[in-house]
């Protein structure tokens, strides 16, 4: 007897000593199996050679996490995190080098670009980016892309200012 079988038998004996009893499954075709679905499952099991999908069987982690996300209704929050974490994959390395997602709230992705040229280029590519987001993340997750260029310094000092005058020649 191998170590796994010995351990299993020891756990089974400990459970019996605690008073826990093993549930017996009804055999297909017997009078105990009145549920037609149970009979169909048993028949399917017999055709597959005795293998049955059981909730206690080990399953791949990806499928379990997807099921948890779907049953809990977390698809939108997970997609939000996916936009930020997968930005390089979604838009490509060249764009990701110059444009970074700043925030994602209410379906609106705010992207900050390091130059006005990249901001203008990204504005022209907005329809193509929306197609990529719909294909990769699902339709309706990203509803708008707000693109911002670099922020210039503010020359406004105090509560009064003249519109349109700018800094002028203040350096002497």
C-alpha atoms as a PDB file:
ATOM      1  CA  UNK A   1       0.000   0.000   0.000  1.00  0.00           C
ATOM      2  CA  UNK A   2       1.413   3.397  -0.927  1.00  0.00           C
ATOM      3  CA  UNK A   3       1.566   6.439   1.350  1.00  0.00           C
ATOM      4  CA  UNK A   4      -1.387   8.245  -0.283  1.00  0.00           C
ATOM      5  CA  UNK A   5      -3.709   5.273   0.177  1.00  0.00           C
ATOM      6  CA  UNK A   6      -2.623   4.822   3.792  1.00  0.00           C
ATOM      7  CA  UNK A   7      -3.264   8.504   4.506  1.00  0.00           C
ATOM      8  CA  UNK A   8      -6.661   8.354   2.805  1.00  0.00           C
ATOM      9  CA  UNK A   9      -7.667   5.301   4.856  1.00  0.00           C
ATOM     10  CA  UNK A  10      -6.523   6.990   8.059  1.00  0.00           C
ATOM     11  CA  UNK A  11      -8.670  10.070   7.286  1.00  0.00           C
ATOM     12  CA  UNK A  12     -11.631   7.860   6.434  1.00  0.00           C
ATOM     13  CA  UNK A  13     -11.332   5.998   9.785  1.00  0.00           C
ATOM     14  CA  UNK A  14     -11.039   9.320  11.677  1.00  0.00           C
ATOM     15  CA  UNK A  15     -14.204  10.595   9.983  1.00  0.00           C
ATOM     16  CA  UNK A  16     -16.070   7.392  10.885  1.00  0.00           C
ATOM     17  CA  UNK A  17     -14.957   7.743  14.517  1.00  0.00           C
ATOM     18  CA  UNK A  18     -16.361  11.296  14.565  1.00  0.00           C
ATOM     19  CA  UNK A  19     -19.685   9.880  13.419  1.00  0.00           C
ATOM     20  CA  UNK A  20     -19.542  11.127   9.840  1.00  0.00           C
ATOM     21  CA  UNK A  21     -20.975   8.614   7.425  1.00  0.00           C
ATOM     22  CA  UNK A  22     -20.242   8.213   3.775  1.00  0.00           C
ATOM     23  CA  UNK A  23     -23.172   8.956   1.471  1.00  0.00           C
ATOM     24  CA  UNK A  24     -23.918   6.146  -0.916  1.00  0.00           C
ATOM     25  CA  UNK A  25     -24.814   7.075  -4.450  1.00  0.00           C
ATOM     26  CA  UNK A  26     -27.773   5.299  -6.000  1.00  0.00           C
ATOM     27  CA  UNK A  27     -26.897   2.889  -8.774  1.00  0.00           C
ATOM     28  CA  UNK A  28     -28.338   3.663 -12.196  1.00  0.00           C
ATOM     29  CA  UNK A  29     -31.380   1.553 -12.962  1.00  0.00           C
ATOM     30  CA  UNK A  30     -32.139   0.729  -9.316  1.00  0.00           C
ATOM     31  CA  UNK A  31     -35.253   1.767  -7.444  1.00  0.00           C
ATOM     32  CA  UNK A  32     -33.174   4.234  -5.394  1.00  0.00           C
ATOM     33  CA  UNK A  33     -32.456   6.311  -8.474  1.00  0.00           C
ATOM     34  CA  UNK A  34     -35.791   7.987  -9.179  1.00  0.00           C
ATOM     35  CA  UNK A  35     -34.236  11.164 -10.608  1.00  0.00           C
ATOM     36  CA  UNK A  36     -34.082  10.890 -14.412  1.00  0.00           C
ATOM     37  CA  UNK A  37     -31.125  13.321 -14.491  1.00  0.00           C
ATOM     38  CA  UNK A  38     -29.161  11.041 -12.148  1.00  0.00           C
ATOM     39  CA  UNK A  39     -29.932   8.098 -14.394  1.00  0.00           C
ATOM     40  CA  UNK A  40     -28.781  10.062 -17.460  1.00  0.00           C
ATOM     41  CA  UNK A  41     -25.568  11.104 -15.684  1.00  0.00           C
ATOM     42  CA  UNK A  42     -24.874   7.511 -14.664  1.00  0.00           C
ATOM     43  CA  UNK A  43     -25.446   6.333 -18.226  1.00  0.00           C
ATOM     44  CA  UNK A  44     -23.100   9.014 -19.540  1.00  0.00           C
ATOM     45  CA  UNK A  45     -20.537   7.991 -16.910  1.00  0.00           C
ATOM     46  CA  UNK A  46     -20.751   4.370 -18.024  1.00  0.00           C
ATOM     47  CA  UNK A  47     -20.183   5.404 -21.665  1.00  0.00           C
ATOM     48  CA  UNK A  48     -17.102   7.457 -20.753  1.00  0.00           C
ATOM     49  CA  UNK A  49     -15.560   4.591 -18.875  1.00  0.00           C
ATOM     50  CA  UNK A  50     -16.546   5.503 -15.322  1.00  0.00           C
ATOM     51  CA  UNK A  51     -15.200   9.060 -15.284  1.00  0.00           C
ATOM     52  CA  UNK A  52     -17.527  11.600 -13.755  1.00  0.00           C
ATOM     53  CA  UNK A  53     -17.135  15.342 -13.466  1.00  0.00           C
ATOM     54  CA  UNK A  54     -17.448  16.051  -9.757  1.00  0.00           C
ATOM     55  CA  UNK A  55     -17.346  19.433  -8.015  1.00  0.00           C
ATOM     56  CA  UNK A  56     -14.657  18.072  -5.731  1.00  0.00           C
ATOM     57  CA  UNK A  57     -12.366  17.078  -8.597  1.00  0.00           C
ATOM     58  CA  UNK A  58      -9.366  19.322  -9.240  1.00  0.00           C
ATOM     59  CA  UNK A  59      -9.880  21.809 -12.041  1.00  0.00           C
ATOM     60  CA  UNK A  60      -7.602  24.320 -13.781  1.00  0.00           C
ATOM     61  CA  UNK A  61      -7.333  27.580 -11.847  1.00  0.00           C
ATOM     62  CA  UNK A  62      -8.185  29.765 -14.847  1.00  0.00           C
ATOM     63  CA  UNK A  63     -11.596  28.147 -15.270  1.00  0.00           C
ATOM     64  CA  UNK A  64     -12.355  28.438 -11.569  1.00  0.00           C
ATOM     65  CA  UNK A  65     -11.427  32.142 -11.501  1.00  0.00           C
ATOM     66  CA  UNK A  66     -13.501  32.860 -14.637  1.00  0.00           C
ATOM     67  CA  UNK A  67     -16.486  31.125 -13.071  1.00  0.00           C
ATOM     68  CA  UNK A  68     -16.048  33.125  -9.869  1.00  0.00           C
ATOM     69  CA  UNK A  69     -15.804  36.408 -11.796  1.00  0.00           C
ATOM     70  CA  UNK A  70     -18.960  35.615 -13.782  1.00  0.00           C
ATOM     71  CA  UNK A  71     -21.051  34.439 -10.827  1.00  0.00           C
ATOM     72  CA  UNK A  72     -20.077  37.404  -8.637  1.00  0.00           C
ATOM     73  CA  UNK A  73     -20.648  39.982 -11.399  1.00  0.00           C
ATOM     74  CA  UNK A  74     -17.069  41.235 -11.333  1.00  0.00           C
ATOM     75  CA  UNK A  75     -16.596  41.350 -15.118  1.00  0.00           C
ATOM     76  CA  UNK A  76     -16.510  45.160 -15.335  1.00  0.00           C
ATOM     77  CA  UNK A  77     -14.091  45.735 -12.403  1.00  0.00           C
ATOM     78  CA  UNK A  78     -11.772  43.028 -13.695  1.00  0.00           C
ATOM     79  CA  UNK A  79     -11.869  44.595 -17.164  1.00  0.00           C
ATOM     80  CA  UNK A  80     -10.940  47.950 -15.608  1.00  0.00           C
ATOM     81  CA  UNK A  81      -7.839  46.418 -14.090  1.00  0.00           C
ATOM     82  CA  UNK A  82      -7.172  44.661 -17.366  1.00  0.00           C
ATOM     83  CA  UNK A  83      -7.057  47.942 -19.301  1.00  0.00           C
ATOM     84  CA  UNK A  84      -4.445  49.373 -16.959  1.00  0.00           C
ATOM     85  CA  UNK A  85      -2.345  46.213 -16.582  1.00  0.00           C
ATOM     86  CA  UNK A  86      -2.505  45.105 -20.229  1.00  0.00           C
ATOM     87  CA  UNK A  87      -2.054  48.558 -21.752  1.00  0.00           C
ATOM     88  CA  UNK A  88       1.187  47.606 -23.540  1.00  0.00           C
ATOM     89  CA  UNK A  89      -0.450  44.549 -25.133  1.00  0.00           C
ATOM     90  CA  UNK A  90      -3.637  46.363 -26.115  1.00  0.00           C
ATOM     91  CA  UNK A  91      -2.136  49.419 -27.806  1.00  0.00           C
ATOM     92  CA  UNK A  92       1.336  48.207 -28.782  1.00  0.00           C
ATOM     93  CA  UNK A  93       4.826  48.971 -27.515  1.00  0.00           C
ATOM     94  CA  UNK A  94       5.365  52.175 -29.532  1.00  0.00           C
ATOM     95  CA  UNK A  95       2.209  53.871 -28.268  1.00  0.00           C
ATOM     96  CA  UNK A  96       2.645  52.547 -24.724  1.00  0.00           C
ATOM     97  CA  UNK A  97       6.104  54.130 -24.571  1.00  0.00           C
ATOM     98  CA  UNK A  98       4.668  57.636 -25.073  1.00  0.00           C
ATOM     99  CA  UNK A  99       1.064  57.352 -23.819  1.00  0.00           C
ATOM    100  CA  UNK A 100       0.105  55.995 -20.384  1.00  0.00           C
ATOM    101  CA  UNK A 101      -3.366  55.369 -18.949  1.00  0.00           C
ATOM    102  CA  UNK A 102      -3.906  57.718 -16.045  1.00  0.00           C
ATOM    103  CA  UNK A 103      -7.304  56.513 -14.799  1.00  0.00           C
ATOM    104  CA  UNK A 104     -10.335  54.462 -15.788  1.00  0.00           C
ATOM    105  CA  UNK A 105     -13.666  55.460 -14.277  1.00  0.00           C
ATOM    106  CA  UNK A 106     -17.194  54.900 -15.545  1.00  0.00           C
ATOM    107  CA  UNK A 107     -16.029  53.421 -18.844  1.00  0.00           C
ATOM    108  CA  UNK A 108     -13.808  56.428 -19.635  1.00  0.00           C
ATOM    109  CA  UNK A 109     -10.081  55.817 -20.006  1.00  0.00           C
ATOM    110  CA  UNK A 110      -7.984  58.951 -19.408  1.00  0.00           C
ATOM    111  CA  UNK A 111      -4.684  58.726 -21.301  1.00  0.00           C
ATOM    112  CA  UNK A 112      -1.771  61.094 -20.681  1.00  0.00           C
ATOM    113  CA  UNK A 113       0.652  61.547 -23.598  1.00  0.00           C
ATOM    114  CA  UNK A 114       4.179  62.914 -23.275  1.00  0.00           C
ATOM    115  CA  UNK A 115       3.879  65.270 -26.287  1.00  0.00           C
ATOM    116  CA  UNK A 116       1.156  67.052 -28.214  1.00  0.00           C
ATOM    117  CA  UNK A 117       2.193  65.151 -31.349  1.00  0.00           C
ATOM    118  CA  UNK A 118       1.479  61.817 -29.661  1.00  0.00           C
ATOM    119  CA  UNK A 119      -1.802  63.170 -28.264  1.00  0.00           C
ATOM    120  CA  UNK A 120      -2.893  64.233 -31.753  1.00  0.00           C
ATOM    121  CA  UNK A 121      -1.819  60.896 -33.226  1.00  0.00           C
ATOM    122  CA  UNK A 122      -3.748  58.991 -30.556  1.00  0.00           C
ATOM    123  CA  UNK A 123      -6.863  61.107 -31.190  1.00  0.00           C
ATOM    124  CA  UNK A 124      -6.721  60.072 -34.842  1.00  0.00           C
ATOM    125  CA  UNK A 125      -6.363  56.416 -33.813  1.00  0.00           C
ATOM    126  CA  UNK A 126      -9.261  56.542 -31.329  1.00  0.00           C
ATOM    127  CA  UNK A 127     -11.743  54.510 -33.477  1.00  0.00           C
ATOM    128  CA  UNK A 128      -9.148  51.763 -34.029  1.00  0.00           C
ATOM    129  CA  UNK A 129      -8.351  51.664 -30.286  1.00  0.00           C
ATOM    130  CA  UNK A 130     -12.061  51.363 -29.448  1.00  0.00           C
ATOM    131  CA  UNK A 131     -12.277  48.345 -31.788  1.00  0.00           C
ATOM    132  CA  UNK A 132      -9.312  46.734 -30.007  1.00  0.00           C
ATOM    133  CA  UNK A 133     -10.856  47.357 -26.563  1.00  0.00           C
ATOM    134  CA  UNK A 134     -14.220  45.937 -27.664  1.00  0.00           C
ATOM    135  CA  UNK A 135     -12.566  42.851 -29.149  1.00  0.00           C
ATOM    136  CA  UNK A 136     -10.147  42.158 -26.278  1.00  0.00           C
ATOM    137  CA  UNK A 137     -12.162  43.253 -23.212  1.00  0.00           C
ATOM    138  CA  UNK A 138     -15.744  42.914 -24.367  1.00  0.00           C
ATOM    139  CA  UNK A 139     -18.224  45.395 -25.809  1.00  0.00           C
ATOM    140  CA  UNK A 140     -19.228  48.335 -23.620  1.00  0.00           C
ATOM    141  CA  UNK A 141     -16.396  48.073 -21.078  1.00  0.00           C
ATOM    142  CA  UNK A 142     -14.599  51.111 -22.513  1.00  0.00           C
ATOM    143  CA  UNK A 143     -17.109  53.703 -23.718  1.00  0.00           C
ATOM    144  CA  UNK A 144     -14.766  56.680 -24.252  1.00  0.00           C
ATOM    145  CA  UNK A 145     -11.077  57.494 -24.475  1.00  0.00           C
ATOM    146  CA  UNK A 146     -10.092  60.923 -23.152  1.00  0.00           C
ATOM    147  CA  UNK A 147      -6.664  61.916 -24.452  1.00  0.00           C
ATOM    148  CA  UNK A 148      -4.614  64.597 -22.724  1.00  0.00           C
ATOM    149  CA  UNK A 149      -1.353  66.153 -23.832  1.00  0.00           C
ATOM    150  CA  UNK A 150       1.417  67.388 -21.571  1.00  0.00           C
ATOM    151  CA  UNK A 151       0.477  70.044 -19.069  1.00  0.00           C
ATOM    152  CA  UNK A 152       2.145  73.415 -19.537  1.00  0.00           C
ATOM    153  CA  UNK A 153       3.123  75.421 -16.470  1.00  0.00           C
ATOM    154  CA  UNK A 154       0.591  77.953 -15.228  1.00  0.00           C
ATOM    155  CA  UNK A 155       1.706  81.556 -15.304  1.00  0.00           C
ATOM    156  CA  UNK A 156      -1.368  82.743 -13.468  1.00  0.00           C
ATOM    157  CA  UNK A 157      -0.494  84.221 -10.084  1.00  0.00           C
ATOM    158  CA  UNK A 158      -3.106  85.613  -7.734  1.00  0.00           C
ATOM    159  CA  UNK A 159      -6.832  85.958  -8.250  1.00  0.00           C
ATOM    160  CA  UNK A 160      -6.751  88.583 -11.034  1.00  0.00           C
ATOM    161  CA  UNK A 161      -5.444  87.966 -14.533  1.00  0.00           C
ATOM    162  CA  UNK A 162      -5.719  89.287 -18.066  1.00  0.00           C
ATOM    163  CA  UNK A 163      -6.966  86.766 -20.647  1.00  0.00           C
ATOM    164  CA  UNK A 164      -4.701  85.865 -23.535  1.00  0.00           C
ATOM    165  CA  UNK A 165      -1.599  87.770 -22.490  1.00  0.00           C
ATOM    166  CA  UNK A 166       0.648  84.829 -21.524  1.00  0.00           C
ATOM    167  CA  UNK A 167       3.988  85.263 -19.812  1.00  0.00           C
ATOM    168  CA  UNK A 168       5.415  87.771 -22.324  1.00  0.00           C
ATOM    169  CA  UNK A 169       9.001  88.885 -21.909  1.00  0.00           C
ATOM    170  CA  UNK A 170       9.412  88.872 -18.147  1.00  0.00           C
ATOM    171  CA  UNK A 171      13.005  87.739 -18.034  1.00  0.00           C
ATOM    172  CA  UNK A 172      14.585  91.134 -18.783  1.00  0.00           C
END
